[in-house]
Amino acid sequence: MEKKETKEIKEISQAVIGRLPRYFRYLGDLKDEGVERISSQELSERMKVTASQIRQDLNNFGGFGQQGYGYNVEYLHVEIGKILGLDTEHRMVLIGAGNLGQALVNYTNFEKRSFLFKGIFDNNPALYGKLIRNFPVMPMEEMCDFVRENQIDIAVIAIPKEGAVKVAEQLVNCGIKAIWNFSHVDLNVPEDVQVENAHLSDSLMKLSYNIGRYNKENGVKQ
């Protein structure tokens, strides 16, 4: 019996993956400026990341550069977009039609990256039928059927932490495989469900720490 070869998927560190969106953003800006090619050193000066770090990061995916030529900006922008899955349409639903949820739905740049909101859900009857960017707010009872019928693959949770855990369980049971979590609580989901936490207060506290550290190192009185 002939043995089939299994293609091994290279493990890429989360630190490298975390830098890819920034590369994508800078390359998009360069493309808009009409820049056709750029060296790792020139990109380093713009991004404040070492040239060796840039080369190491990109070498995880094949390099894309050419000695003495640098990187073709448009080509690299497209390829990083593919790595990030931006060449595929991602259908999303929002859970929580409060101020944060409404701001997320109204942020049209998501659509430019192929992230498309398809529905909004909330447990507040007073909001049912309210239009947010032409999406009517629907009751939570309709969520599962909507997710299955519309092939939704990402759920955005923007509700208080008290209800987030239960909602995450419901979403998993509905077949959701990815959650963007804005609730300030860690979600316990199966391994095949991807979760990206966006804890806004954590980010603000990190900023506060860095302000304090800078002030101490530079003798700035607070």
Protein backbone atom coordinates (compact mmCIF):
# COMPACT_ATOMS: atom_id res chain seq x y z
CA MET A 1 0.00 0.00 0.00
CA GLU A 2 1.49 3.34 -1.07
CA LYS A 3 2.15 5.74 1.78
CA LYS A 4 0.76 9.22 1.24
CA GLU A 5 2.96 12.14 2.15
CA THR A 6 1.45 14.58 4.61
CA LYS A 7 2.37 18.20 4.02
CA GLU A 8 3.64 19.64 7.27
CA ILE A 9 2.28 23.05 8.18
CA LYS A 10 4.99 25.32 9.55
CA GLU A 11 4.24 26.70 12.99
CA ILE A 12 4.42 30.49 12.93
CA SER A 13 4.75 32.37 16.21
CA GLN A 14 1.90 34.60 17.34
CA ALA A 15 4.39 37.47 17.59
CA VAL A 16 5.08 37.23 13.85
CA ILE A 17 1.37 36.92 13.03
CA GLY A 18 0.70 39.94 15.22
CA ARG A 19 3.05 42.06 13.08
CA LEU A 20 1.56 41.06 9.72
CA PRO A 21 -1.40 43.50 9.85
CA ARG A 22 1.05 46.34 10.46
CA TYR A 23 3.13 45.32 7.42
CA PHE A 24 -0.07 45.15 5.40
CA ARG A 25 -1.13 48.64 6.52
CA TYR A 26 2.26 50.25 5.78
CA LEU A 27 2.53 48.56 2.38
CA GLY A 28 -0.98 49.78 1.55
CA ASP A 29 0.09 53.33 2.37
CA LEU A 30 3.23 52.95 0.23
CA LYS A 31 1.14 51.64 -2.67
CA ASP A 32 -1.20 54.64 -2.37
CA GLU A 33 1.86 56.91 -2.49
CA GLY A 34 2.94 55.31 -5.76
CA VAL A 35 6.00 53.53 -4.31
CA GLU A 36 6.76 50.47 -6.46
CA ARG A 37 9.56 48.83 -4.49
CA ILE A 38 11.21 49.23 -1.12
CA SER A 39 14.16 47.70 0.70
CA SER A 40 13.92 46.14 4.14
CA GLN A 41 16.07 49.01 5.44
CA GLU A 42 13.72 51.66 4.04
CA LEU A 43 10.70 49.80 5.41
CA SER A 44 12.53 49.52 8.73
CA GLU A 45 12.98 53.30 8.93
CA ARG A 46 9.27 53.85 8.34
CA MET A 47 8.01 51.18 10.73
CA LYS A 48 10.64 51.53 13.47
CA VAL A 49 11.30 47.78 13.29
CA THR A 50 14.77 46.43 12.52
CA ALA A 51 15.46 45.37 8.93
CA SER A 52 16.58 41.94 10.14
CA GLN A 53 13.27 41.51 11.98
CA ILE A 54 11.36 42.33 8.81
CA ARG A 55 13.41 39.84 6.78
CA GLN A 56 13.02 37.14 9.44
CA ASP A 57 9.27 37.68 9.63
CA LEU A 58 8.76 37.53 5.88
CA ASN A 59 11.09 34.56 5.46
CA ASN A 60 8.56 32.53 7.44
CA PHE A 61 6.34 32.77 4.37
CA GLY A 62 8.92 32.55 1.62
CA GLY A 63 10.79 35.85 1.86
CA PHE A 64 9.30 37.75 -1.14
CA GLY A 65 12.43 39.90 -1.46
CA GLN A 66 15.26 39.91 -3.97
CA GLN A 67 18.89 40.74 -3.19
CA GLY A 68 19.71 44.19 -4.51
CA TYR A 69 16.11 44.85 -5.49
CA GLY A 70 14.10 44.80 -2.29
CA TYR A 71 10.38 44.14 -2.19
CA ASN A 72 7.79 44.77 -4.85
CA VAL A 73 5.30 46.80 -2.79
CA GLU A 74 2.09 45.83 -4.59
CA TYR A 75 3.02 42.15 -4.80
CA LEU A 76 4.00 41.96 -1.13
CA HIS A 77 0.84 43.81 -0.10
CA VAL A 78 -1.30 41.28 -2.01
CA GLU A 79 0.61 38.27 -0.66
CA ILE A 80 0.41 39.39 2.97
CA GLY A 81 -3.30 39.99 2.40
CA LYS A 82 -3.63 36.39 1.24
CA ILE A 83 -1.71 35.13 4.29
CA LEU A 84 -4.10 37.09 6.51
CA GLY A 85 -7.07 35.61 4.66
CA LEU A 86 -8.20 38.94 3.24
CA ASP A 87 -8.82 37.40 -0.18
CA THR A 88 -11.75 35.52 1.38
CA GLU A 89 -15.08 37.07 2.38
CA HIS A 90 -15.76 36.83 6.12
CA ARG A 91 -19.42 37.04 7.12
CA MET A 92 -20.03 38.45 10.60
CA VAL A 93 -22.81 39.02 13.11
CA LEU A 94 -22.78 41.48 15.99
CA ILE A 95 -24.06 40.55 19.45
CA GLY A 96 -24.84 43.74 21.37
CA ALA A 97 -26.35 46.83 19.75
CA GLY A 98 -25.05 49.32 22.31
CA ASN A 99 -22.69 52.23 21.61
CA LEU A 100 -19.65 50.05 21.00
CA GLY A 101 -21.52 47.62 18.80
CA GLN A 102 -23.01 50.42 16.73
CA ALA A 103 -19.58 52.01 16.28
CA LEU A 104 -18.18 48.68 15.02
CA VAL A 105 -20.99 48.17 12.51
CA ASN A 106 -20.63 51.74 11.26
CA TYR A 107 -16.88 51.38 10.70
CA THR A 108 -16.88 50.90 6.93
CA ASN A 109 -13.17 50.06 6.65
CA PHE A 110 -13.95 46.49 7.73
CA GLU A 111 -15.65 45.96 4.38
CA LYS A 112 -12.49 47.00 2.53
CA ARG A 113 -10.77 44.06 4.25
CA SER A 114 -13.57 41.62 3.32
CA PHE A 115 -15.18 41.58 6.79
CA LEU A 116 -18.89 42.01 6.16
CA PHE A 117 -21.54 42.44 8.84
CA LYS A 118 -24.72 40.56 7.99
CA GLY A 119 -26.83 40.84 11.13
CA ILE A 120 -27.19 42.42 14.58
CA PHE A 121 -28.65 40.81 17.69
CA ASP A 122 -29.56 42.07 21.14
CA ASN A 123 -31.70 40.97 24.10
CA ASN A 124 -33.32 44.40 24.59
CA PRO A 125 -36.86 44.39 23.09
CA ALA A 126 -36.75 48.19 22.87
CA LEU A 127 -34.08 47.89 20.18
CA TYR A 128 -35.80 45.27 18.01
CA GLY A 129 -36.28 46.60 14.49
CA LYS A 130 -33.99 49.59 15.00
CA LEU A 131 -31.89 50.13 11.90
CA ILE A 132 -28.11 50.39 12.25
CA ARG A 133 -26.58 50.90 8.81
CA ASN A 134 -29.72 49.35 7.33
CA PHE A 135 -29.43 46.26 9.55
CA PRO A 136 -32.48 45.75 11.79
CA VAL A 137 -31.66 44.67 15.34
CA MET A 138 -33.01 41.16 15.87
CA PRO A 139 -33.81 39.20 19.05
CA MET A 140 -31.29 36.66 20.32
CA GLU A 141 -33.83 33.86 19.78
CA GLU A 142 -33.34 34.25 16.03
CA MET A 143 -29.54 34.18 16.16
CA CYS A 144 -28.86 30.47 15.60
CA ASP A 145 -31.11 30.11 12.57
CA PHE A 146 -29.64 33.29 11.07
CA VAL A 147 -26.06 32.09 11.62
CA ARG A 148 -26.74 28.76 9.93
CA GLU A 149 -28.82 30.12 7.06
CA ASN A 150 -26.34 32.88 6.22
CA GLN A 151 -23.13 30.89 6.67
CA ILE A 152 -21.76 33.24 9.30
CA ASP A 153 -18.21 32.45 10.35
CA ILE A 154 -17.33 35.28 12.78
CA ALA A 155 -19.34 36.56 15.75
CA VAL A 156 -18.50 39.89 17.37
CA ILE A 157 -19.41 40.00 21.07
CA ALA A 158 -19.89 43.54 22.37
CA ILE A 159 -21.95 43.01 25.53
CA PRO A 160 -21.15 43.19 29.26
CA LYS A 161 -19.10 40.30 30.63
CA GLU A 162 -22.04 38.96 32.67
CA GLY A 163 -23.75 37.64 29.54
CA ALA A 164 -20.75 37.02 27.31
CA VAL A 165 -19.93 33.50 28.50
CA LYS A 166 -23.48 32.24 27.91
CA VAL A 167 -23.64 33.94 24.50
CA ALA A 168 -20.31 32.37 23.50
CA GLU A 169 -21.71 28.93 24.38
CA GLN A 170 -24.78 29.64 22.24
CA LEU A 171 -22.61 30.75 19.33
CA VAL A 172 -20.48 27.60 19.51
CA ASN A 173 -23.65 25.49 19.48
CA CYS A 174 -24.81 27.45 16.43
CA GLY A 175 -21.64 26.47 14.57
CA ILE A 176 -19.59 29.67 14.89
CA LYS A 177 -15.87 28.96 14.55
CA ALA A 178 -14.43 32.41 15.30
CA ILE A 179 -15.25 35.04 17.93
CA TRP A 180 -14.03 38.61 18.21
CA ASN A 181 -14.55 39.29 21.89
CA PHE A 182 -14.93 42.84 23.23
CA SER A 183 -16.37 41.70 26.56
CA HIS A 184 -13.97 41.93 29.46
CA VAL A 185 -13.97 38.21 30.21
CA ASP A 186 -12.00 35.22 28.96
CA LEU A 187 -14.12 32.74 27.02
CA ASN A 188 -13.83 28.99 27.49
CA VAL A 189 -14.52 27.51 24.06
CA PRO A 190 -13.51 24.31 22.21
CA GLU A 191 -10.06 24.21 20.58
CA ASP A 192 -11.51 24.45 17.08
CA VAL A 193 -13.10 27.83 17.86
CA GLN A 194 -10.74 30.77 17.38
CA VAL A 195 -11.05 33.70 19.80
CA GLU A 196 -9.44 37.12 19.46
CA ASN A 197 -9.84 39.24 22.58
CA ALA A 198 -10.05 43.02 22.24
CA HIS A 199 -10.08 44.18 25.86
CA LEU A 200 -10.07 47.96 25.48
CA SER A 201 -9.36 48.70 29.15
CA ASP A 202 -6.33 46.38 29.05
CA SER A 203 -4.91 48.43 26.20
CA LEU A 204 -5.55 51.66 28.10
CA MET A 205 -3.84 50.30 31.24
CA LYS A 206 -0.84 49.29 29.14
CA LEU A 207 -0.69 52.85 27.83
CA SER A 208 -0.87 54.15 31.41
CA TYR A 209 2.04 51.90 32.42
CA ASN A 210 4.18 53.09 29.50
CA ILE A 211 3.47 56.74 30.36
CA GLY A 212 4.62 56.12 33.93
CA ARG A 213 7.72 54.21 32.84
CA TYR A 214 8.73 56.95 30.40
CA ASN A 215 8.24 59.64 33.03
CA LYS A 216 10.39 57.76 35.59
CA GLU A 217 13.17 57.07 33.08
CA ASN A 218 13.26 60.70 31.98
CA GLY A 219 12.76 62.36 35.36
CA VAL A 220 9.39 63.82 34.43
CA LYS A 221 7.37 64.82 37.48
CA GLN A 222 3.81 63.51 37.56
